[in-house]
């Protein structure tokens, strides 16, 4: 987690953050007219950019993804309280692939195993992003959890799984030749996973997938549950139910950052 702070001391990482944010926002803004939920989200082929760049730029891509989404909201006229959850969700969207898929060392090429891991991490990142934004948007009454979380998860997963591996194949060797891979800048220890990686991944899987499923079941009325029976009447606001019930899942997802 320390690299998320320390990277700001390196001018190259700051430039890569700005590059990611500019590319993400620049490709996102033209599609703002293709609205899926008015004032909330639209068709986003640009989501492949944070996933692809997370493989080469690491923590810079995570910050760039969050900042780029915020810039897109500003220029797209969607800035509001939902942008806060969008910032966190898009940060995790690029942070997860960066932590799961490491770039190869030296002159090795990108093998099938890394492409499969990139696709897996893209799906997990999409679910996490959808769960966080859907949870926040439901709490503030912006959009129902089931509608928004599923649109974001499927939209992000389809675009990133198809486009991100292609982009990575096209740019990886050039980025490595220019010595701009994040391990080349931050140190070779970043080629290796932390000893606590599997703890973090377990927390992330349980929190993201569990929260996503529970949120959908609560949102469509299949599941009737509130923690500690704090809310027990049928007249209870559904946003409060989802807010309380998914809070442990959100905490698990955020805690996973400490261990991945």
Protein backbone atom coordinates (compact mmCIF):
# COMPACT_ATOMS: atom_id res chain seq x y z
CA UNK A 1 0.00 0.00 0.00
CA UNK A 2 2.91 2.35 0.67
CA UNK A 3 3.63 2.69 -3.03
CA UNK A 4 0.29 4.45 -3.44
CA UNK A 5 1.74 7.35 -1.43
CA UNK A 6 5.43 7.05 -2.29
CA UNK A 7 4.80 7.11 -6.05
CA UNK A 8 3.88 10.81 -5.79
CA UNK A 9 7.52 11.55 -4.98
CA UNK A 10 8.59 10.40 -8.45
CA UNK A 11 7.95 12.82 -11.31
CA UNK A 12 7.64 9.99 -13.83
CA UNK A 13 4.86 8.30 -11.84
CA UNK A 14 3.02 11.62 -11.52
CA UNK A 15 3.26 12.09 -15.30
CA UNK A 16 1.98 8.53 -15.87
CA UNK A 17 -0.94 9.25 -13.52
CA UNK A 18 -1.81 12.37 -15.52
CA UNK A 19 -1.45 10.42 -18.78
CA UNK A 20 -3.82 7.70 -17.59
CA UNK A 21 -6.35 10.26 -16.35
CA UNK A 22 -6.19 12.24 -19.61
CA UNK A 23 -6.60 9.15 -21.81
CA UNK A 24 -9.44 7.79 -19.69
CA UNK A 25 -11.35 11.07 -19.52
CA UNK A 26 -10.56 11.95 -23.14
CA UNK A 27 -12.01 8.68 -24.44
CA UNK A 28 -14.91 8.74 -21.97
CA UNK A 29 -16.28 12.23 -22.69
CA UNK A 30 -17.26 11.61 -26.37
CA UNK A 31 -19.52 8.74 -25.25
CA UNK A 32 -21.36 10.80 -22.60
CA UNK A 33 -24.26 11.15 -25.03
CA UNK A 34 -24.81 7.34 -25.06
CA UNK A 35 -26.56 7.36 -21.69
CA UNK A 36 -27.56 4.15 -19.89
CA UNK A 37 -28.91 5.82 -16.71
CA UNK A 38 -29.44 9.60 -17.07
CA UNK A 39 -27.03 11.60 -14.92
CA UNK A 40 -25.30 8.45 -13.69
CA UNK A 41 -23.58 6.29 -16.34
CA UNK A 42 -23.19 5.73 -20.06
CA UNK A 43 -21.60 3.29 -22.52
CA UNK A 44 -17.86 3.23 -21.73
CA UNK A 45 -15.42 1.51 -24.10
CA UNK A 46 -12.82 3.75 -22.42
CA UNK A 47 -12.82 1.45 -19.37
CA UNK A 48 -10.29 -0.74 -21.17
CA UNK A 49 -7.68 2.01 -20.66
CA UNK A 50 -7.33 1.77 -16.82
CA UNK A 51 -7.17 -2.04 -17.01
CA UNK A 52 -4.50 -2.08 -19.72
CA UNK A 53 -2.41 0.68 -18.14
CA UNK A 54 -2.63 -0.90 -14.68
CA UNK A 55 -0.47 -3.71 -16.09
CA UNK A 56 2.34 -1.32 -17.04
CA UNK A 57 1.88 1.76 -14.84
CA UNK A 58 0.67 0.05 -11.62
CA UNK A 59 -0.35 2.50 -8.87
CA UNK A 60 -0.18 5.43 -11.30
CA UNK A 61 -2.98 3.82 -13.32
CA UNK A 62 -5.10 3.35 -10.17
CA UNK A 63 -4.89 7.04 -9.28
CA UNK A 64 -5.25 8.00 -12.95
CA UNK A 65 -8.40 5.91 -13.27
CA UNK A 66 -10.00 7.60 -10.25
CA UNK A 67 -8.99 11.11 -11.35
CA UNK A 68 -9.95 10.48 -14.98
CA UNK A 69 -13.43 9.35 -13.99
CA UNK A 70 -13.82 12.49 -11.86
CA UNK A 71 -12.74 14.69 -14.77
CA UNK A 72 -15.21 12.84 -17.00
CA UNK A 73 -18.01 13.56 -14.51
CA UNK A 74 -17.07 17.25 -14.43
CA UNK A 75 -17.07 17.71 -18.20
CA UNK A 76 -20.04 15.39 -18.65
CA UNK A 77 -22.20 17.39 -16.25
CA UNK A 78 -22.50 14.46 -13.83
CA UNK A 79 -20.49 15.86 -10.91
CA UNK A 80 -22.21 15.26 -7.57
CA UNK A 81 -22.11 13.11 -4.45
CA UNK A 82 -22.12 10.03 -6.69
CA UNK A 83 -18.71 11.13 -8.02
CA UNK A 84 -17.19 10.32 -4.63
CA UNK A 85 -18.22 6.67 -4.95
CA UNK A 86 -17.18 6.80 -8.60
CA UNK A 87 -13.71 7.93 -7.53
CA UNK A 88 -13.33 5.02 -5.09
CA UNK A 89 -14.87 2.48 -7.45
CA UNK A 90 -12.67 3.48 -10.38
CA UNK A 91 -9.58 3.52 -8.17
CA UNK A 92 -10.28 -0.12 -7.23
CA UNK A 93 -11.07 -0.88 -10.87
CA UNK A 94 -7.45 -0.28 -11.88
CA UNK A 95 -5.86 -1.21 -8.54
CA UNK A 96 -7.08 -4.83 -8.59
CA UNK A 97 -5.51 -5.87 -11.95
CA UNK A 98 -2.28 -4.09 -11.00
CA UNK A 99 -2.02 -6.22 -7.85
CA UNK A 100 -3.09 -9.51 -9.40
CA UNK A 101 -1.15 -9.45 -12.70
CA UNK A 102 2.56 -8.65 -12.62
CA UNK A 103 4.47 -7.74 -15.81
CA UNK A 104 7.17 -10.21 -16.89
CA UNK A 105 10.82 -9.46 -16.13
CA UNK A 106 13.59 -8.71 -18.62
CA UNK A 107 12.90 -9.80 -22.22
CA UNK A 108 10.07 -12.24 -21.52
CA UNK A 109 6.89 -11.84 -23.53
CA UNK A 110 3.32 -11.76 -22.18
CA UNK A 111 2.17 -15.37 -22.01
CA UNK A 112 -1.28 -16.93 -22.08
CA UNK A 113 -1.28 -17.24 -18.27
CA UNK A 114 -0.98 -13.47 -17.83
CA UNK A 115 -3.70 -12.79 -20.37
CA UNK A 116 -6.04 -15.18 -18.52
CA UNK A 117 -5.15 -13.49 -15.22
CA UNK A 118 -5.78 -10.09 -16.81
CA UNK A 119 -9.24 -11.19 -17.95
CA UNK A 120 -10.00 -12.71 -14.53
CA UNK A 121 -8.86 -9.56 -12.72
CA UNK A 122 -10.86 -7.40 -15.16
CA UNK A 123 -14.04 -9.27 -14.26
CA UNK A 124 -13.29 -9.08 -10.53
CA UNK A 125 -12.44 -5.37 -10.83
CA UNK A 126 -15.67 -4.73 -12.75
CA UNK A 127 -17.77 -6.46 -10.08
CA UNK A 128 -15.97 -4.52 -7.34
CA UNK A 129 -16.42 -1.20 -9.13
CA UNK A 130 -20.11 -1.91 -9.77
CA UNK A 131 -20.68 -3.00 -6.16
CA UNK A 132 -19.06 0.12 -4.64
CA UNK A 133 -20.74 2.62 -6.96
CA UNK A 134 -24.10 0.82 -6.81
CA UNK A 135 -23.93 0.79 -2.99
CA UNK A 136 -23.14 4.50 -2.80
CA UNK A 137 -25.67 5.53 -5.45
CA UNK A 138 -28.42 3.57 -3.70
CA UNK A 139 -27.63 5.17 -0.33
CA UNK A 140 -27.94 8.71 -1.71
CA UNK A 141 -31.01 7.81 -3.78
CA UNK A 142 -29.32 8.29 -7.15
CA UNK A 143 -30.14 4.88 -8.64
CA UNK A 144 -31.23 1.41 -7.44
CA UNK A 145 -28.37 -0.93 -6.59
CA UNK A 146 -29.47 -3.74 -8.91
CA UNK A 147 -29.78 -1.46 -11.94
CA UNK A 148 -26.54 0.48 -11.55
CA UNK A 149 -24.23 -2.24 -10.19
CA UNK A 150 -25.14 -4.68 -12.97
CA UNK A 151 -24.84 -2.09 -15.74
CA UNK A 152 -21.40 -1.01 -14.51
CA UNK A 153 -20.18 -4.56 -13.89
CA UNK A 154 -21.26 -5.91 -17.30
CA UNK A 155 -20.33 -2.77 -19.24
CA UNK A 156 -16.84 -2.66 -17.70
CA UNK A 157 -16.22 -6.41 -17.92
CA UNK A 158 -17.19 -6.78 -21.57
CA UNK A 159 -15.20 -3.77 -22.78
CA UNK A 160 -12.10 -4.47 -20.67
CA UNK A 161 -11.97 -8.23 -21.33
CA UNK A 162 -12.10 -7.68 -25.08
CA UNK A 163 -9.99 -4.55 -25.51
CA UNK A 164 -7.51 -4.49 -22.60
CA UNK A 165 -5.51 -7.62 -23.63
CA UNK A 166 -5.17 -6.20 -27.16
CA UNK A 167 -3.94 -2.84 -25.85
CA UNK A 168 -1.47 -4.54 -23.48
CA UNK A 169 -0.04 -6.61 -26.33
CA UNK A 170 0.41 -3.46 -28.41
CA UNK A 171 2.08 -1.25 -25.80
CA UNK A 172 3.95 -3.54 -23.40
CA UNK A 173 7.27 -3.93 -25.24
CA UNK A 174 7.45 -0.22 -26.01
CA UNK A 175 6.76 0.77 -22.40
CA UNK A 176 9.41 -1.66 -21.16
CA UNK A 177 11.92 -0.41 -23.76
CA UNK A 178 11.34 3.15 -22.49
CA UNK A 179 11.93 1.96 -18.88
CA UNK A 180 8.47 3.14 -17.83
CA UNK A 181 7.13 -0.08 -16.30
CA UNK A 182 6.27 0.65 -12.68
CA UNK A 183 8.81 -1.92 -11.32
CA UNK A 184 11.50 -0.23 -13.40
CA UNK A 185 10.65 3.07 -11.73
CA UNK A 186 9.73 2.00 -8.17
CA UNK A 187 12.12 -0.95 -7.81
CA UNK A 188 12.33 -4.59 -8.86
CA UNK A 189 10.69 -5.77 -5.63
CA UNK A 190 7.42 -4.72 -7.24
CA UNK A 191 7.69 -7.69 -9.61
CA UNK A 192 6.94 -9.89 -6.60
CA UNK A 193 3.70 -10.25 -4.66
CA UNK A 194 3.52 -9.47 -0.94
CA UNK A 195 3.51 -12.38 1.51
CA UNK A 196 0.00 -11.39 2.54
CA UNK A 197 -1.30 -11.42 -1.06
CA UNK A 198 -3.61 -14.41 -0.59
CA UNK A 199 -5.12 -12.86 2.55
CA UNK A 200 -5.92 -9.71 0.57
CA UNK A 201 -7.28 -11.65 -2.40
CA UNK A 202 -9.53 -13.71 -0.10
CA UNK A 203 -10.91 -10.55 1.54
CA UNK A 204 -11.45 -9.00 -1.87
CA UNK A 205 -13.23 -12.05 -3.34
CA UNK A 206 -15.55 -12.47 -0.35
CA UNK A 207 -16.26 -8.75 -0.02
CA UNK A 208 -16.75 -7.94 -3.71
CA UNK A 209 -18.61 -11.03 -4.91
CA UNK A 210 -20.53 -11.50 -1.66
CA UNK A 211 -21.53 -7.83 -1.54
CA UNK A 212 -22.49 -7.82 -5.22
CA UNK A 213 -24.75 -10.87 -4.85
CA UNK A 214 -26.27 -9.72 -1.54
CA UNK A 215 -26.91 -6.22 -2.90
CA UNK A 216 -28.75 -7.62 -5.90
CA UNK A 217 -30.85 -9.99 -3.79
CA UNK A 218 -31.78 -7.20 -1.39
CA UNK A 219 -32.43 -4.73 -4.18
CA UNK A 220 -34.90 -6.96 -6.03
CA UNK A 221 -36.55 -8.14 -2.82
CA UNK A 222 -35.47 -11.79 -2.92
CA UNK A 223 -33.56 -11.48 0.36
CA UNK A 224 -34.94 -9.79 3.49
CA UNK A 225 -32.03 -9.20 5.86
CA UNK A 226 -30.62 -6.39 7.96
CA UNK A 227 -27.62 -6.67 10.30
CA UNK A 228 -28.47 -7.26 13.96
CA UNK A 229 -32.18 -6.81 13.08
CA UNK A 230 -31.59 -3.06 13.41
CA UNK A 231 -34.27 -2.50 10.84
CA UNK A 232 -37.19 -4.90 11.16
CA UNK A 233 -40.28 -3.37 9.63
CA UNK A 234 -41.55 -3.79 6.09
CA UNK A 235 -41.81 -0.01 5.75
CA UNK A 236 -38.06 0.48 6.11
CA UNK A 237 -36.30 2.45 3.40
CA UNK A 238 -34.58 -0.04 1.07
CA UNK A 239 -31.55 2.25 0.71
CA UNK A 240 -30.94 2.01 4.46
CA UNK A 241 -31.19 -1.78 4.30
CA UNK A 242 -28.67 -2.01 1.47
CA UNK A 243 -26.41 0.59 3.08
CA UNK A 244 -26.25 -1.32 6.37
CA UNK A 245 -26.14 -4.81 4.91
CA UNK A 246 -23.35 -4.14 2.42
CA UNK A 247 -21.16 -2.11 4.79
CA UNK A 248 -19.18 -5.19 5.98
CA UNK A 249 -18.52 -6.13 2.35
CA UNK A 250 -17.30 -2.61 1.56
CA UNK A 251 -15.00 -2.69 4.60
CA UNK A 252 -13.54 -6.05 3.47
CA UNK A 253 -12.85 -4.69 -0.01
CA UNK A 254 -11.10 -1.61 1.35
CA UNK A 255 -9.13 -3.68 3.89
CA UNK A 256 -7.84 -5.88 1.06
CA UNK A 257 -5.73 -2.90 -0.08
CA UNK A 258 -3.55 -3.35 3.03
CA UNK A 259 -2.74 -6.97 2.15
CA UNK A 260 -2.59 -7.19 -1.64
